[in-house]
């Protein structure tokens, strides 16, 4: 029984420390997640980094980047700049929310 419990614990630990697959994300969201988790990657090690990636993926579930194509280039650049803290420090879900908030302030509703 003790060995079975050990194996179950080992498998859970191993699964938690595997790097999540980011290949299904847009390049923008992948960059955002990697930036958000850079502290863990370079200061806390791969297990913490993998956990951060997974946490960000969980937060991103169901979140989509709003369509900014209807904006002028200047407005799009301004909104993206305004939300850069969210993109690079808080993750793509927070970035998407920031973009949507900025669109709402401009009078664009969620489609």
N, C-alpha and C. Protein backbone atom coordinates (compact mmCIF):
# COMPACT_ATOMS: atom_id res chain seq x y z
N UNK A 1 0.83 -1.20 0.00
CA UNK A 1 0.00 0.00 0.00
C UNK A 1 0.87 1.25 0.00
N UNK A 2 1.97 1.26 0.75
CA UNK A 2 2.85 2.42 0.82
C UNK A 2 3.46 2.75 -0.52
N UNK A 3 3.86 1.74 -1.27
CA UNK A 3 4.47 1.98 -2.58
C UNK A 3 3.44 2.55 -3.55
N UNK A 4 2.20 2.09 -3.47
CA UNK A 4 1.15 2.60 -4.35
C UNK A 4 0.90 4.08 -4.07
N UNK A 5 0.85 4.45 -2.81
CA UNK A 5 0.65 5.84 -2.43
C UNK A 5 1.82 6.70 -2.92
N UNK A 6 3.03 6.17 -2.78
CA UNK A 6 4.21 6.88 -3.26
C UNK A 6 4.12 7.10 -4.78
N UNK A 7 3.74 6.07 -5.51
CA UNK A 7 3.65 6.18 -6.97
C UNK A 7 2.59 7.20 -7.39
N UNK A 8 1.45 7.17 -6.71
CA UNK A 8 0.40 8.14 -7.01
C UNK A 8 0.91 9.56 -6.75
N UNK A 9 1.58 9.76 -5.63
CA UNK A 9 2.13 11.07 -5.30
C UNK A 9 3.18 11.50 -6.32
N UNK A 10 4.02 10.55 -6.72
CA UNK A 10 5.06 10.86 -7.70
C UNK A 10 4.45 11.25 -9.04
N UNK A 11 3.44 10.51 -9.49
CA UNK A 11 2.79 10.81 -10.76
C UNK A 11 2.13 12.18 -10.71
N UNK A 12 1.48 12.52 -9.61
CA UNK A 12 0.86 13.84 -9.47
C UNK A 12 1.91 14.94 -9.50
N UNK A 13 3.00 14.74 -8.78
CA UNK A 13 4.08 15.73 -8.76
C UNK A 13 4.68 15.89 -10.15
N UNK A 14 4.91 14.76 -10.83
CA UNK A 14 5.48 14.80 -12.17
C UNK A 14 4.55 15.53 -13.13
N UNK A 15 3.25 15.26 -13.04
CA UNK A 15 2.27 15.92 -13.92
C UNK A 15 2.23 17.42 -13.66
N UNK A 16 2.40 17.81 -12.41
CA UNK A 16 2.36 19.23 -12.07
C UNK A 16 3.59 19.98 -12.57
N UNK A 17 4.69 19.27 -12.77
CA UNK A 17 5.92 19.95 -13.15
C UNK A 17 6.22 19.87 -14.63
N UNK A 18 5.37 19.24 -15.42
CA UNK A 18 5.55 19.21 -16.86
C UNK A 18 5.14 20.54 -17.45
N UNK A 19 5.92 21.01 -18.42
CA UNK A 19 5.58 22.28 -19.06
C UNK A 19 4.30 22.11 -19.86
N UNK A 20 3.30 22.94 -19.58
CA UNK A 20 2.05 22.88 -20.35
C UNK A 20 2.29 23.23 -21.82
N UNK A 21 1.45 22.70 -22.67
CA UNK A 21 1.54 22.95 -24.10
C UNK A 21 0.91 24.29 -24.44
N UNK A 22 1.70 25.21 -24.94
CA UNK A 22 1.22 26.54 -25.31
C UNK A 22 1.02 26.67 -26.82
N UNK A 23 1.20 25.59 -27.55
CA UNK A 23 1.18 25.66 -29.01
C UNK A 23 -0.17 26.09 -29.59
N UNK A 24 -1.25 25.87 -28.87
CA UNK A 24 -2.56 26.25 -29.36
C UNK A 24 -2.90 27.72 -29.17
N UNK A 25 -2.02 28.46 -28.53
CA UNK A 25 -2.27 29.88 -28.26
C UNK A 25 -1.78 30.75 -29.41
N UNK A 26 -2.36 31.93 -29.50
CA UNK A 26 -1.84 32.90 -30.46
C UNK A 26 -0.43 33.29 -30.01
N UNK A 27 0.36 33.79 -30.93
CA UNK A 27 1.71 34.23 -30.60
C UNK A 27 1.67 35.31 -29.52
N UNK A 28 0.68 36.20 -29.60
CA UNK A 28 0.53 37.28 -28.63
C UNK A 28 0.25 36.73 -27.22
N UNK A 29 -0.67 35.77 -27.11
CA UNK A 29 -0.99 35.19 -25.81
C UNK A 29 0.18 34.37 -25.27
N UNK A 30 0.89 33.65 -26.14
CA UNK A 30 2.04 32.86 -25.71
C UNK A 30 3.13 33.79 -25.16
N UNK A 31 3.39 34.88 -25.87
CA UNK A 31 4.38 35.86 -25.40
C UNK A 31 3.97 36.43 -24.05
N UNK A 32 2.70 36.73 -23.90
CA UNK A 32 2.19 37.30 -22.66
C UNK A 32 2.38 36.34 -21.49
N UNK A 33 2.00 35.10 -21.68
CA UNK A 33 2.15 34.11 -20.61
C UNK A 33 3.62 33.92 -20.24
N UNK A 34 4.47 33.79 -21.23
CA UNK A 34 5.89 33.58 -20.96
C UNK A 34 6.50 34.77 -20.24
N UNK A 35 6.10 35.97 -20.61
CA UNK A 35 6.59 37.16 -19.92
C UNK A 35 6.08 37.21 -18.49
N UNK A 36 4.81 36.93 -18.32
CA UNK A 36 4.21 36.95 -16.98
C UNK A 36 4.91 35.97 -16.04
N UNK A 37 5.34 34.86 -16.57
CA UNK A 37 5.96 33.80 -15.75
C UNK A 37 7.48 33.85 -15.76
N UNK A 38 8.07 34.91 -16.30
CA UNK A 38 9.53 34.96 -16.41
C UNK A 38 10.23 34.96 -15.05
N UNK A 39 9.63 35.60 -14.06
CA UNK A 39 10.25 35.59 -12.73
C UNK A 39 10.38 34.16 -12.22
N UNK A 40 9.32 33.39 -12.35
CA UNK A 40 9.35 32.01 -11.90
C UNK A 40 10.40 31.22 -12.69
N UNK A 41 10.46 31.45 -13.98
CA UNK A 41 11.39 30.71 -14.84
C UNK A 41 12.84 30.96 -14.44
N UNK A 42 13.19 32.23 -14.23
CA UNK A 42 14.59 32.57 -14.00
C UNK A 42 14.99 32.66 -12.54
N UNK A 43 14.03 32.74 -11.64
CA UNK A 43 14.37 32.88 -10.22
C UNK A 43 13.94 31.71 -9.35
N UNK A 44 12.87 31.01 -9.74
CA UNK A 44 12.32 29.97 -8.88
C UNK A 44 12.45 28.56 -9.45
N UNK A 45 12.79 28.45 -10.71
CA UNK A 45 13.03 27.14 -11.31
C UNK A 45 11.89 26.63 -12.17
N UNK A 46 12.15 25.53 -12.87
CA UNK A 46 11.19 25.03 -13.85
C UNK A 46 9.86 24.57 -13.26
N UNK A 47 9.85 23.99 -12.10
CA UNK A 47 8.57 23.53 -11.53
C UNK A 47 7.65 24.73 -11.27
N UNK A 48 8.21 25.79 -10.69
CA UNK A 48 7.41 27.00 -10.44
C UNK A 48 6.98 27.65 -11.75
N UNK A 49 7.87 27.62 -12.74
CA UNK A 49 7.54 28.18 -14.06
C UNK A 49 6.39 27.40 -14.69
N UNK A 50 6.47 26.09 -14.67
CA UNK A 50 5.41 25.27 -15.25
C UNK A 50 4.08 25.50 -14.54
N UNK A 51 4.13 25.63 -13.23
CA UNK A 51 2.91 25.90 -12.47
C UNK A 51 2.33 27.26 -12.83
N UNK A 52 3.19 28.25 -13.00
CA UNK A 52 2.73 29.58 -13.41
C UNK A 52 2.08 29.52 -14.79
N UNK A 53 2.72 28.81 -15.72
CA UNK A 53 2.14 28.67 -17.06
C UNK A 53 0.75 28.04 -16.97
N UNK A 54 0.62 26.99 -16.16
CA UNK A 54 -0.67 26.32 -16.04
C UNK A 54 -1.71 27.23 -15.41
N UNK A 55 -1.31 27.99 -14.41
CA UNK A 55 -2.23 28.94 -13.77
C UNK A 55 -2.71 29.97 -14.80
N UNK A 56 -1.80 30.48 -15.61
CA UNK A 56 -2.18 31.46 -16.63
C UNK A 56 -3.09 30.82 -17.69
N UNK A 57 -2.81 29.58 -18.07
CA UNK A 57 -3.69 28.88 -19.01
C UNK A 57 -5.09 28.72 -18.44
N UNK A 58 -5.16 28.38 -17.16
CA UNK A 58 -6.47 28.23 -16.51
C UNK A 58 -7.24 29.55 -16.51
N UNK A 59 -6.54 30.64 -16.23
CA UNK A 59 -7.19 31.96 -16.24
C UNK A 59 -7.64 32.34 -17.64
N UNK A 60 -6.90 31.90 -18.64
CA UNK A 60 -7.19 32.25 -20.02
C UNK A 60 -8.37 31.47 -20.59
N UNK A 61 -8.68 30.36 -19.99
CA UNK A 61 -9.77 29.51 -20.48
C UNK A 61 -11.05 30.32 -20.64
N UNK A 62 -11.57 30.35 -21.87
CA UNK A 62 -12.80 31.09 -22.14
C UNK A 62 -12.60 32.57 -22.45
N UNK A 63 -11.37 33.05 -22.32
CA UNK A 63 -11.09 34.46 -22.60
C UNK A 63 -10.61 34.59 -24.04
N UNK A 64 -11.06 35.64 -24.70
CA UNK A 64 -10.62 35.92 -26.06
C UNK A 64 -10.19 37.36 -26.17
N UNK A 65 -9.18 37.58 -26.97
CA UNK A 65 -8.76 38.94 -27.23
C UNK A 65 -9.82 39.62 -28.08
N UNK A 66 -10.28 40.80 -27.68
CA UNK A 66 -11.29 41.50 -28.47
C UNK A 66 -10.72 41.92 -29.83
N UNK A 67 -11.60 42.08 -30.77
CA UNK A 67 -11.24 42.49 -32.12
C UNK A 67 -10.97 43.99 -32.14
N UNK A 68 -9.76 44.35 -32.46
CA UNK A 68 -9.38 45.76 -32.52
C UNK A 68 -9.30 46.27 -33.96
N UNK A 69 -9.71 45.45 -34.91
CA UNK A 69 -9.54 45.79 -36.32
C UNK A 69 -10.36 47.01 -36.75
N UNK A 70 -11.41 47.35 -36.02
CA UNK A 70 -12.23 48.51 -36.37
C UNK A 70 -11.65 49.83 -35.90
N UNK A 71 -10.54 49.78 -35.20
CA UNK A 71 -9.92 51.00 -34.68
C UNK A 71 -8.91 51.56 -35.66
N UNK A 72 -8.67 52.83 -35.53
CA UNK A 72 -7.57 53.43 -36.30
C UNK A 72 -6.26 52.86 -35.75
N UNK A 73 -5.21 52.95 -36.55
CA UNK A 73 -3.91 52.46 -36.11
C UNK A 73 -3.46 53.18 -34.84
N UNK A 74 -3.71 54.47 -34.75
CA UNK A 74 -3.32 55.23 -33.56
C UNK A 74 -4.08 54.76 -32.32
N UNK A 75 -5.40 54.58 -32.45
CA UNK A 75 -6.19 54.12 -31.30
C UNK A 75 -5.78 52.71 -30.88
N UNK A 76 -5.53 51.84 -31.86
CA UNK A 76 -5.12 50.46 -31.55
C UNK A 76 -3.78 50.47 -30.80
N UNK A 77 -2.84 51.26 -31.30
CA UNK A 77 -1.53 51.37 -30.63
C UNK A 77 -1.67 51.92 -29.23
N UNK A 78 -2.52 52.92 -29.07
CA UNK A 78 -2.73 53.54 -27.76
C UNK A 78 -3.33 52.54 -26.77
N UNK A 79 -4.35 51.80 -27.20
CA UNK A 79 -4.98 50.82 -26.32
C UNK A 79 -3.99 49.72 -25.95
N UNK A 80 -3.26 49.23 -26.91
CA UNK A 80 -2.29 48.17 -26.63
C UNK A 80 -1.21 48.66 -25.67
N UNK A 81 -0.79 49.89 -25.83
CA UNK A 81 0.20 50.47 -24.92
C UNK A 81 -0.38 50.63 -23.52
N UNK A 82 -1.61 51.13 -23.45
CA UNK A 82 -2.28 51.32 -22.16
C UNK A 82 -2.37 50.00 -21.39
N UNK A 83 -2.56 48.91 -22.12
CA UNK A 83 -2.75 47.59 -21.50
C UNK A 83 -1.46 46.77 -21.43
N UNK A 84 -0.32 47.37 -21.72
CA UNK A 84 0.93 46.60 -21.76
C UNK A 84 1.31 46.02 -20.40
N UNK A 85 1.00 46.74 -19.31
CA UNK A 85 1.29 46.19 -17.98
C UNK A 85 0.54 44.87 -17.78
N UNK A 86 -0.72 44.87 -18.13
CA UNK A 86 -1.52 43.64 -18.00
C UNK A 86 -0.95 42.53 -18.88
N UNK A 87 -0.57 42.89 -20.09
CA UNK A 87 -0.07 41.88 -21.03
C UNK A 87 1.19 41.21 -20.52
N UNK A 88 2.14 41.98 -20.04
CA UNK A 88 3.44 41.42 -19.70
C UNK A 88 3.63 41.06 -18.24
N UNK A 89 2.79 41.58 -17.35
CA UNK A 89 2.96 41.29 -15.92
C UNK A 89 1.81 40.48 -15.33
N UNK A 90 0.59 40.61 -15.88
CA UNK A 90 -0.57 39.95 -15.28
C UNK A 90 -1.10 38.79 -16.12
N UNK A 91 -0.75 38.76 -17.39
CA UNK A 91 -1.15 37.65 -18.24
C UNK A 91 -2.21 38.00 -19.26
N UNK A 92 -2.42 37.09 -20.22
CA UNK A 92 -3.31 37.38 -21.33
C UNK A 92 -4.77 37.57 -20.95
N UNK A 93 -5.26 36.88 -19.95
CA UNK A 93 -6.66 37.08 -19.55
C UNK A 93 -6.87 38.51 -19.05
N UNK A 94 -5.95 39.00 -18.24
CA UNK A 94 -6.03 40.38 -17.75
C UNK A 94 -5.85 41.37 -18.90
N UNK A 95 -4.99 41.03 -19.84
CA UNK A 95 -4.79 41.87 -21.02
C UNK A 95 -6.06 41.96 -21.86
N UNK A 96 -6.70 40.83 -22.10
CA UNK A 96 -7.95 40.83 -22.86
C UNK A 96 -9.00 41.70 -22.18
N UNK A 97 -9.08 41.58 -20.86
CA UNK A 97 -10.06 42.38 -20.10
C UNK A 97 -9.74 43.87 -20.20
N UNK A 98 -8.47 44.21 -20.13
CA UNK A 98 -8.06 45.60 -20.25
C UNK A 98 -8.42 46.14 -21.64
N UNK A 99 -8.13 45.36 -22.67
CA UNK A 99 -8.48 45.80 -24.03
C UNK A 99 -9.98 46.04 -24.14
N UNK A 100 -10.77 45.11 -23.59
CA UNK A 100 -12.23 45.25 -23.67
C UNK A 100 -12.70 46.48 -22.90
N UNK A 101 -12.12 46.73 -21.76
CA UNK A 101 -12.46 47.92 -20.97
C UNK A 101 -12.18 49.19 -21.77
N UNK A 102 -11.03 49.22 -22.43
CA UNK A 102 -10.68 50.38 -23.25
C UNK A 102 -11.64 50.54 -24.43
N UNK A 103 -12.02 49.43 -25.05
CA UNK A 103 -12.99 49.49 -26.14
C UNK A 103 -14.33 50.02 -25.65
N UNK A 104 -14.74 49.55 -24.48
CA UNK A 104 -16.01 50.02 -23.90
C UNK A 104 -15.98 51.53 -23.66
N UNK A 105 -14.84 52.02 -23.20
CA UNK A 105 -14.71 53.46 -22.96
C UNK A 105 -14.81 54.25 -24.26
N UNK A 106 -14.43 53.63 -25.36
CA UNK A 106 -14.54 54.27 -26.67
C UNK A 106 -15.93 54.11 -27.28
N UNK A 107 -16.77 53.31 -26.62
CA UNK A 107 -18.12 53.11 -27.11
C UNK A 107 -18.30 51.87 -27.96
N UNK A 108 -17.30 50.99 -27.98
CA UNK A 108 -17.42 49.73 -28.71
C UNK A 108 -17.90 48.67 -27.72
N UNK A 109 -18.99 47.99 -28.05
CA UNK A 109 -19.46 46.95 -27.15
C UNK A 109 -18.86 45.61 -27.55
N UNK A 110 -18.89 44.68 -26.62
CA UNK A 110 -18.37 43.34 -26.86
C UNK A 110 -19.20 42.67 -27.95
N UNK A 111 -18.51 42.09 -28.92
CA UNK A 111 -19.25 41.42 -30.00
C UNK A 111 -19.48 39.98 -29.71
